[in-house]
Amino acid sequence: MKLNGKTIFFALAVAVFAYIIWDSMSQPGKENLPGDFKEVAFYRNEQNTGPIIRVYAVTVSDTLWNQMEEYGNYMPHNKYGNTKVYFFLNKGPVPESLSLEEGNFDPQFQQYCIAKYEKASMGQVVLVKYPFAGWLAK
């Protein structure tokens, strides 16, 4: 069988297209992080014309600070918006509802919060660690 230029070009185009699809589908995400992260509660304000505020409560199996920050980086964020992720150990109590009120959840759960990730309006990231809070959940 004789290969002409069109056949080679078509085969090469299919191979490149298949590689692009495979590469885009195999990108790492928050599901690939160690630590058994589970989103328990979520709140998003109803504002669609101004800053979008997202608040998450997430459980984790251990105090994996680097993975917590990476998890937060994977969360959706809009310019001029704000994204907060509160981390709790999966062995302890966790709030099942969140709000925009100060603190974002019932104060009785504050003692069990081990970290708070926040990405502010222009993308500034802060991870606040509460290393002693996790002891209460054990």
Foldseek 3Di string as FASTA:
>chain_A
DDDDPVNVVVVVVVVVVVVVVVVVVPDDALVPDPFPKDWQEKDWDPDPPAAIEIETEIEGQDPPPVSVQVNQVRDDHDAQYKYKYWYFHPQADTFNYFDPPVVGGDPVCVLRTQWMWMQHRHGDIDIGGDNVSNVVSD
